[in-house]
């Protein structure tokens, strides 16, 4: 198993694996698959440098806490009258 001490708690810009590891250290069950899906959909902003996704930890915290309500959109129900 890899030593996780290299992930500094003060590091603000992380790659995908570092982000997942920091989440695990904080008890947040975030998988690499879920993180990649959020990045590709645009739900979590990032920068791509070469083949590396660079992610701001502040954006991850904002996304996980749903501060912008991006994942919790209003439910729109259409009323259909069958009379």
PDB file of N, CA and C in Angstrom:
ATOM      1  N   UNK A   1       0.844  -1.184   0.000  1.00  0.00           N
ATOM      2  CA  UNK A   1       0.000   0.000   0.000  1.00  0.00           C
ATOM      3  C   UNK A   1       0.886   1.241   0.000  1.00  0.00           C
ATOM      4  N   UNK A   2       0.419   2.251  -0.621  1.00  0.00           N
ATOM      5  CA  UNK A   2       1.175   3.492  -0.793  1.00  0.00           C
ATOM      6  C   UNK A   2       1.115   4.342   0.473  1.00  0.00           C
ATOM      7  N   UNK A   3       2.216   5.008   0.787  1.00  0.00           N
ATOM      8  CA  UNK A   3       2.275   5.889   1.941  1.00  0.00           C
ATOM      9  C   UNK A   3       1.543   7.187   1.614  1.00  0.00           C
ATOM     10  N   UNK A   4       0.532   7.535   2.421  1.00  0.00           N
ATOM     11  CA  UNK A   4      -0.320   8.696   2.137  1.00  0.00           C
ATOM     12  C   UNK A   4       0.191   9.979   2.770  1.00  0.00           C
ATOM     13  N   UNK A   5       1.330   9.945   3.446  1.00  0.00           N
ATOM     14  CA  UNK A   5       1.819  11.141   4.121  1.00  0.00           C
ATOM     15  C   UNK A   5       2.327  12.205   3.160  1.00  0.00           C
ATOM     16  N   UNK A   6       2.554  11.835   1.881  1.00  0.00           N
ATOM     17  CA  UNK A   6       3.056  12.825   0.931  1.00  0.00           C
ATOM     18  C   UNK A   6       1.982  13.821   0.509  1.00  0.00           C
ATOM     19  N   UNK A   7       0.725  13.534   0.816  1.00  0.00           N
ATOM     20  CA  UNK A   7      -0.364  14.442   0.458  1.00  0.00           C
ATOM     21  C   UNK A   7      -0.500  15.472   1.572  1.00  0.00           C
ATOM     22  N   UNK A   8       0.069  16.614   1.357  1.00  0.00           N
ATOM     23  CA  UNK A   8       0.054  17.673   2.356  1.00  0.00           C
ATOM     24  C   UNK A   8      -1.353  18.228   2.514  1.00  0.00           C
ATOM     25  N   UNK A   9      -1.740  18.477   3.754  1.00  0.00           N
ATOM     26  CA  UNK A   9      -3.057  19.054   4.001  1.00  0.00           C
ATOM     27  C   UNK A   9      -3.122  20.501   3.526  1.00  0.00           C
ATOM     28  N   UNK A  10      -1.967  21.127   3.276  1.00  0.00           N
ATOM     29  CA  UNK A  10      -1.954  22.509   2.817  1.00  0.00           C
ATOM     30  C   UNK A  10      -1.888  22.618   1.305  1.00  0.00           C
ATOM     31  N   UNK A  11      -1.719  21.492   0.615  1.00  0.00           N
ATOM     32  CA  UNK A  11      -1.644  21.515  -0.838  1.00  0.00           C
ATOM     33  C   UNK A  11      -3.034  21.824  -1.388  1.00  0.00           C
ATOM     34  N   UNK A  12      -3.124  22.838  -2.209  1.00  0.00           N
ATOM     35  CA  UNK A  12      -4.423  23.280  -2.718  1.00  0.00           C
ATOM     36  C   UNK A  12      -4.769  22.702  -4.080  1.00  0.00           C
ATOM     37  N   UNK A  13      -3.774  22.368  -4.886  1.00  0.00           N
ATOM     38  CA  UNK A  13      -4.012  21.824  -6.216  1.00  0.00           C
ATOM     39  C   UNK A  13      -3.585  20.361  -6.223  1.00  0.00           C
ATOM     40  N   UNK A  14      -4.523  19.488  -6.575  1.00  0.00           N
ATOM     41  CA  UNK A  14      -4.290  18.048  -6.508  1.00  0.00           C
ATOM     42  C   UNK A  14      -4.611  17.390  -7.837  1.00  0.00           C
ATOM     43  N   UNK A  15      -4.032  16.215  -8.074  1.00  0.00           N
ATOM     44  CA  UNK A  15      -4.465  15.421  -9.218  1.00  0.00           C
ATOM     45  C   UNK A  15      -5.585  14.490  -8.749  1.00  0.00           C
ATOM     46  N   UNK A  16      -6.075  13.638  -9.616  1.00  0.00           N
ATOM     47  CA  UNK A  16      -7.230  12.802  -9.274  1.00  0.00           C
ATOM     48  C   UNK A  16      -6.927  11.869  -8.107  1.00  0.00           C
ATOM     49  N   UNK A  17      -5.817  11.165  -8.180  1.00  0.00           N
ATOM     50  CA  UNK A  17      -5.500  10.205  -7.102  1.00  0.00           C
ATOM     51  C   UNK A  17      -5.266  10.897  -5.763  1.00  0.00           C
ATOM     52  N   UNK A  18      -4.602  12.040  -5.781  1.00  0.00           N
ATOM     53  CA  UNK A  18      -4.372  12.782  -4.542  1.00  0.00           C
ATOM     54  C   UNK A  18      -5.693  13.262  -3.946  1.00  0.00           C
ATOM     55  N   UNK A  19      -6.617  13.669  -4.800  1.00  0.00           N
ATOM     56  CA  UNK A  19      -7.926  14.121  -4.327  1.00  0.00           C
ATOM     57  C   UNK A  19      -8.677  12.982  -3.657  1.00  0.00           C
ATOM     58  N   UNK A  20      -8.677  11.817  -4.285  1.00  0.00           N
ATOM     59  CA  UNK A  20      -9.352  10.645  -3.716  1.00  0.00           C
ATOM     60  C   UNK A  20      -8.701  10.261  -2.384  1.00  0.00           C
ATOM     61  N   UNK A  21      -7.376  10.287  -2.325  1.00  0.00           N
ATOM     62  CA  UNK A  21      -6.672   9.940  -1.091  1.00  0.00           C
ATOM     63  C   UNK A  21      -6.986  10.924   0.030  1.00  0.00           C
ATOM     64  N   UNK A  22      -7.032  12.217  -0.288  1.00  0.00           N
ATOM     65  CA  UNK A  22      -7.350  13.208   0.752  1.00  0.00           C
ATOM     66  C   UNK A  22      -8.778  13.005   1.250  1.00  0.00           C
ATOM     67  N   UNK A  23      -9.686  12.688   0.333  1.00  0.00           N
ATOM     68  CA  UNK A  23     -11.063  12.412   0.756  1.00  0.00           C
ATOM     69  C   UNK A  23     -11.099  11.210   1.694  1.00  0.00           C
ATOM     70  N   UNK A  24     -10.369  10.151   1.358  1.00  0.00           N
ATOM     71  CA  UNK A  24     -10.335   8.971   2.222  1.00  0.00           C
ATOM     72  C   UNK A  24      -9.760   9.306   3.594  1.00  0.00           C
ATOM     73  N   UNK A  25      -8.711  10.132   3.629  1.00  0.00           N
ATOM     74  CA  UNK A  25      -8.120  10.527   4.903  1.00  0.00           C
ATOM     75  C   UNK A  25      -9.110  11.297   5.767  1.00  0.00           C
ATOM     76  N   UNK A  26     -10.018  11.999   5.133  1.00  0.00           N
ATOM     77  CA  UNK A  26     -11.028  12.776   5.871  1.00  0.00           C
ATOM     78  C   UNK A  26     -12.322  12.001   6.084  1.00  0.00           C
ATOM     79  N   UNK A  27     -12.352  10.740   5.661  1.00  0.00           N
ATOM     80  CA  UNK A  27     -13.547   9.912   5.872  1.00  0.00           C
ATOM     81  C   UNK A  27     -14.641  10.133   4.853  1.00  0.00           C
ATOM     82  N   UNK A  28     -14.297  10.702   3.711  1.00  0.00           N
ATOM     83  CA  UNK A  28     -15.281  10.956   2.652  1.00  0.00           C
ATOM     84  C   UNK A  28     -15.169   9.829   1.628  1.00  0.00           C
ATOM     85  N   UNK A  29     -16.224   9.041   1.453  1.00  0.00           N
ATOM     86  CA  UNK A  29     -16.160   7.899   0.535  1.00  0.00           C
ATOM     87  C   UNK A  29     -16.335   8.311  -0.927  1.00  0.00           C
ATOM     88  N   UNK A  30     -15.299   8.865  -1.522  1.00  0.00           N
ATOM     89  CA  UNK A  30     -15.342   9.306  -2.913  1.00  0.00           C
ATOM     90  C   UNK A  30     -14.441   8.397  -3.736  1.00  0.00           C
ATOM     91  N   UNK A  31     -15.012   7.740  -4.736  1.00  0.00           N
ATOM     92  CA  UNK A  31     -14.215   6.854  -5.577  1.00  0.00           C
ATOM     93  C   UNK A  31     -13.599   7.639  -6.737  1.00  0.00           C
ATOM     94  N   UNK A  32     -12.573   7.072  -7.316  1.00  0.00           N
ATOM     95  CA  UNK A  32     -11.927   7.694  -8.472  1.00  0.00           C
ATOM     96  C   UNK A  32     -12.910   7.775  -9.641  1.00  0.00           C
ATOM     97  N   UNK A  33     -13.740   6.750  -9.790  1.00  0.00           N
ATOM     98  CA  UNK A  33     -14.733   6.731 -10.862  1.00  0.00           C
ATOM     99  C   UNK A  33     -15.719   7.903 -10.723  1.00  0.00           C
ATOM    100  N   UNK A  34     -16.220   8.104  -9.514  1.00  0.00           N
ATOM    101  CA  UNK A  34     -17.176   9.196  -9.272  1.00  0.00           C
ATOM    102  C   UNK A  34     -16.529  10.553  -9.521  1.00  0.00           C
ATOM    103  N   UNK A  35     -15.287  10.696  -9.069  1.00  0.00           N
ATOM    104  CA  UNK A  35     -14.577  11.957  -9.271  1.00  0.00           C
ATOM    105  C   UNK A  35     -14.363  12.224 -10.760  1.00  0.00           C
ATOM    106  N   UNK A  36     -13.943  11.216 -11.505  1.00  0.00           N
ATOM    107  CA  UNK A  36     -13.754  11.389 -12.956  1.00  0.00           C
ATOM    108  C   UNK A  36     -15.063  11.760 -13.652  1.00  0.00           C
ATOM    109  N   UNK A  37     -16.152  11.144 -13.224  1.00  0.00           N
ATOM    110  CA  UNK A  37     -17.467  11.443 -13.807  1.00  0.00           C
ATOM    111  C   UNK A  37     -17.863  12.897 -13.537  1.00  0.00           C
ATOM    112  N   UNK A  38     -17.599  13.376 -12.326  1.00  0.00           N
ATOM    113  CA  UNK A  38     -17.911  14.768 -11.974  1.00  0.00           C
ATOM    114  C   UNK A  38     -17.052  15.738 -12.778  1.00  0.00           C
ATOM    115  N   UNK A  39     -15.792  15.389 -12.997  1.00  0.00           N
ATOM    116  CA  UNK A  39     -14.903  16.251 -13.773  1.00  0.00           C
ATOM    117  C   UNK A  39     -15.326  16.302 -15.235  1.00  0.00           C
ATOM    118  N   UNK A  40     -15.633  15.159 -15.813  1.00  0.00           N
ATOM    119  CA  UNK A  40     -15.996  15.122 -17.232  1.00  0.00           C
ATOM    120  C   UNK A  40     -17.347  15.768 -17.509  1.00  0.00           C
ATOM    121  N   UNK A  41     -18.259  15.715 -16.536  1.00  0.00           N
ATOM    122  CA  UNK A  41     -19.571  16.336 -16.724  1.00  0.00           C
ATOM    123  C   UNK A  41     -19.535  17.845 -16.500  1.00  0.00           C
ATOM    124  N   UNK A  42     -18.449  18.331 -15.883  1.00  0.00           N
ATOM    125  CA  UNK A  42     -18.348  19.760 -15.598  1.00  0.00           C
ATOM    126  C   UNK A  42     -18.914  20.147 -14.245  1.00  0.00           C
ATOM    127  N   UNK A  43     -19.400  19.167 -13.481  1.00  0.00           N
ATOM    128  CA  UNK A  43     -19.947  19.473 -12.154  1.00  0.00           C
ATOM    129  C   UNK A  43     -18.859  19.960 -11.213  1.00  0.00           C
ATOM    130  N   UNK A  44     -17.640  19.489 -11.418  1.00  0.00           N
ATOM    131  CA  UNK A  44     -16.499  19.898 -10.611  1.00  0.00           C
ATOM    132  C   UNK A  44     -15.455  20.504 -11.540  1.00  0.00           C
ATOM    133  N   UNK A  45     -15.194  21.807 -11.416  1.00  0.00           N
ATOM    134  CA  UNK A  45     -14.242  22.456 -12.324  1.00  0.00           C
ATOM    135  C   UNK A  45     -12.808  21.983 -12.095  1.00  0.00           C
ATOM    136  N   UNK A  46     -12.041  21.951 -13.181  1.00  0.00           N
ATOM    137  CA  UNK A  46     -10.638  21.544 -13.104  1.00  0.00           C
ATOM    138  C   UNK A  46      -9.879  22.138 -14.285  1.00  0.00           C
ATOM    139  N   UNK A  47      -8.578  21.950 -14.276  1.00  0.00           N
ATOM    140  CA  UNK A  47      -7.717  22.305 -15.412  1.00  0.00           C
ATOM    141  C   UNK A  47      -7.070  21.022 -15.884  1.00  0.00           C
ATOM    142  N   UNK A  48      -6.892  20.902 -17.186  1.00  0.00           N
ATOM    143  CA  UNK A  48      -6.220  19.747 -17.750  1.00  0.00           C
ATOM    144  C   UNK A  48      -4.896  20.223 -18.328  1.00  0.00           C
ATOM    145  N   UNK A  49      -3.815  19.668 -17.797  1.00  0.00           N
ATOM    146  CA  UNK A  49      -2.481  20.010 -18.263  1.00  0.00           C
ATOM    147  C   UNK A  49      -1.880  18.713 -18.799  1.00  0.00           C
ATOM    148  N   UNK A  50      -1.717  18.638 -20.111  1.00  0.00           N
ATOM    149  CA  UNK A  50      -1.296  17.383 -20.720  1.00  0.00           C
ATOM    150  C   UNK A  50      -2.394  16.362 -20.538  1.00  0.00           C
ATOM    151  N   UNK A  51      -2.079  15.294 -19.816  1.00  0.00           N
ATOM    152  CA  UNK A  51      -3.084  14.271 -19.510  1.00  0.00           C
ATOM    153  C   UNK A  51      -3.446  14.264 -18.032  1.00  0.00           C
ATOM    154  N   UNK A  52      -3.055  15.320 -17.319  1.00  0.00           N
ATOM    155  CA  UNK A  52      -3.271  15.395 -15.873  1.00  0.00           C
ATOM    156  C   UNK A  52      -4.389  16.375 -15.555  1.00  0.00           C
ATOM    157  N   UNK A  53      -5.354  15.901 -14.772  1.00  0.00           N
ATOM    158  CA  UNK A  53      -6.419  16.769 -14.283  1.00  0.00           C
ATOM    159  C   UNK A  53      -5.929  17.417 -12.999  1.00  0.00           C
ATOM    160  N   UNK A  54      -5.985  18.749 -12.926  1.00  0.00           N
ATOM    161  CA  UNK A  54      -5.602  19.485 -11.725  1.00  0.00           C
ATOM    162  C   UNK A  54      -6.865  20.046 -11.085  1.00  0.00           C
ATOM    163  N   UNK A  55      -7.031  19.746  -9.816  1.00  0.00           N
ATOM    164  CA  UNK A  55      -8.282  20.037  -9.122  1.00  0.00           C
ATOM    165  C   UNK A  55      -7.985  20.875  -7.888  1.00  0.00           C
ATOM    166  N   UNK A  56      -8.727  21.941  -7.714  1.00  0.00           N
ATOM    167  CA  UNK A  56      -8.594  22.779  -6.529  1.00  0.00           C
ATOM    168  C   UNK A  56      -9.360  22.128  -5.371  1.00  0.00           C
ATOM    169  N   UNK A  57      -8.683  21.974  -4.220  1.00  0.00           N
ATOM    170  CA  UNK A  57      -9.345  21.367  -3.062  1.00  0.00           C
ATOM    171  C   UNK A  57     -10.538  22.208  -2.610  1.00  0.00           C
ATOM    172  N   UNK A  58     -10.452  23.518  -2.743  1.00  0.00           N
ATOM    173  CA  UNK A  58     -11.585  24.386  -2.375  1.00  0.00           C
ATOM    174  C   UNK A  58     -12.815  24.053  -3.231  1.00  0.00           C
ATOM    175  N   UNK A  59     -12.591  23.773  -4.524  1.00  0.00           N
ATOM    176  CA  UNK A  59     -13.709  23.390  -5.398  1.00  0.00           C
ATOM    177  C   UNK A  59     -14.288  22.038  -5.002  1.00  0.00           C
ATOM    178  N   UNK A  60     -13.432  21.118  -4.570  1.00  0.00           N
ATOM    179  CA  UNK A  60     -13.904  19.800  -4.135  1.00  0.00           C
ATOM    180  C   UNK A  60     -14.783  19.951  -2.899  1.00  0.00           C
ATOM    181  N   UNK A  61     -14.335  20.736  -1.933  1.00  0.00           N
ATOM    182  CA  UNK A  61     -15.142  20.955  -0.728  1.00  0.00           C
ATOM    183  C   UNK A  61     -16.473  21.606  -1.062  1.00  0.00           C
ATOM    184  N   UNK A  62     -16.456  22.587  -1.962  1.00  0.00           N
ATOM    185  CA  UNK A  62     -17.678  23.263  -2.385  1.00  0.00           C
ATOM    186  C   UNK A  62     -18.626  22.277  -3.070  1.00  0.00           C
ATOM    187  N   UNK A  63     -18.070  21.423  -3.933  1.00  0.00           N
ATOM    188  CA  UNK A  63     -18.880  20.437  -4.665  1.00  0.00           C
ATOM    189  C   UNK A  63     -19.472  19.403  -3.704  1.00  0.00           C
ATOM    190  N   UNK A  64     -18.668  18.923  -2.765  1.00  0.00           N
ATOM    191  CA  UNK A  64     -19.150  17.918  -1.825  1.00  0.00           C
ATOM    192  C   UNK A  64     -20.223  18.458  -0.887  1.00  0.00           C
ATOM    193  N   UNK A  65     -20.144  19.734  -0.554  1.00  0.00           N
ATOM    194  CA  UNK A  65     -21.139  20.316   0.349  1.00  0.00           C
ATOM    195  C   UNK A  65     -22.360  20.841  -0.401  1.00  0.00           C
ATOM    196  N   UNK A  66     -22.360  20.745  -1.715  1.00  0.00           N
ATOM    197  CA  UNK A  66     -23.471  21.201  -2.562  1.00  0.00           C
ATOM    198  C   UNK A  66     -23.806  22.666  -2.327  1.00  0.00           C
ATOM    199  N   UNK A  67     -22.777  23.491  -2.144  1.00  0.00           N
ATOM    200  CA  UNK A  67     -23.005  24.921  -1.913  1.00  0.00           C
ATOM    201  C   UNK A  67     -23.731  25.592  -3.066  1.00  0.00           C
ATOM    202  N   UNK A  68     -23.429  25.141  -4.294  1.00  0.00           N
ATOM    203  CA  UNK A  68     -24.079  25.772  -5.442  1.00  0.00           C
ATOM    204  C   UNK A  68     -25.340  25.028  -5.874  1.00  0.00           C
ATOM    205  N   UNK A  69     -25.733  23.989  -5.139  1.00  0.00           N
ATOM    206  CA  UNK A  69     -26.930  23.188  -5.409  1.00  0.00           C
ATOM    207  C   UNK A  69     -26.943  22.597  -6.810  1.00  0.00           C
ATOM    208  N   UNK A  70     -25.779  22.377  -7.383  1.00  0.00           N
ATOM    209  CA  UNK A  70     -25.700  21.852  -8.742  1.00  0.00           C
ATOM    210  C   UNK A  70     -26.295  20.457  -8.853  1.00  0.00           C
ATOM    211  N   UNK A  71     -26.108  19.634  -7.833  1.00  0.00           N
ATOM    212  CA  UNK A  71     -26.634  18.274  -7.882  1.00  0.00           C
ATOM    213  C   UNK A  71     -28.054  18.183  -7.343  1.00  0.00           C
ATOM    214  N   UNK A  72     -28.523  19.230  -6.744  1.00  0.00           N
ATOM    215  CA  UNK A  72     -29.823  19.196  -6.089  1.00  0.00           C
ATOM    216  C   UNK A  72     -30.799  20.144  -6.760  1.00  0.00           C
ATOM    217  N   UNK A  73     -30.945  19.984  -8.051  1.00  0.00           N
ATOM    218  CA  UNK A  73     -31.849  20.848  -8.792  1.00  0.00           C
ATOM    219  C   UNK A  73     -33.294  20.630  -8.394  1.00  0.00           C
ATOM    220  N   UNK A  74     -34.110  21.602  -8.660  1.00  0.00           N
ATOM    221  CA  UNK A  74     -35.522  21.517  -8.327  1.00  0.00           C
ATOM    222  C   UNK A  74     -36.190  20.439  -9.173  1.00  0.00           C
ATOM    223  N   UNK A  75     -37.104  19.738  -8.567  1.00  0.00           N
ATOM    224  CA  UNK A  75     -37.855  18.705  -9.271  1.00  0.00           C
ATOM    225  C   UNK A  75     -39.022  19.374  -9.969  1.00  0.00           C
ATOM    226  N   UNK A  76     -39.093  19.180 -11.267  1.00  0.00           N
ATOM    227  CA  UNK A  76     -40.178  19.753 -12.049  1.00  0.00           C
ATOM    228  C   UNK A  76     -41.116  18.624 -12.444  1.00  0.00           C
ATOM    229  N   UNK A  77     -42.346  18.734 -12.024  1.00  0.00           N
ATOM    230  CA  UNK A  77     -43.338  17.706 -12.357  1.00  0.00           C
ATOM    231  C   UNK A  77     -44.374  18.323 -13.268  1.00  0.00           C
ATOM    232  N   UNK A  78     -44.651  17.610 -14.311  1.00  0.00           N
ATOM    233  CA  UNK A  78     -45.678  18.073 -15.240  1.00  0.00           C
ATOM    234  C   UNK A  78     -47.026  17.506 -14.800  1.00  0.00           C
ATOM    235  N   UNK A  79     -47.981  18.370 -14.731  1.00  0.00           N
ATOM    236  CA  UNK A  79     -49.322  17.921 -14.385  1.00  0.00           C
ATOM    237  C   UNK A  79     -50.076  17.619 -15.672  1.00  0.00           C
ATOM    238  N   UNK A  80     -50.559  16.424 -15.749  1.00  0.00           N
ATOM    239  CA  UNK A  80     -51.287  16.021 -16.945  1.00  0.00           C
ATOM    240  C   UNK A  80     -52.730  15.760 -16.537  1.00  0.00           C
ATOM    241  N   UNK A  81     -53.622  16.406 -17.216  1.00  0.00           N
ATOM    242  CA  UNK A  81     -55.047  16.245 -16.920  1.00  0.00           C
ATOM    243  C   UNK A  81     -55.610  15.239 -17.907  1.00  0.00           C
ATOM    244  N   UNK A  82     -56.075  14.121 -17.388  1.00  0.00           N
ATOM    245  CA  UNK A  82     -56.607  13.052 -18.237  1.00  0.00           C
ATOM    246  C   UNK A  82     -58.128  13.060 -18.294  1.00  0.00           C
ATOM    247  N   UNK A  83     -58.752  14.171 -17.981  1.00  0.00           N
ATOM    248  CA  UNK A  83     -60.233  14.223 -18.001  1.00  0.00           C
ATOM    249  C   UNK A  83     -60.774  14.213 -19.383  1.00  0.00           C
TER     250      UNK A  83
END
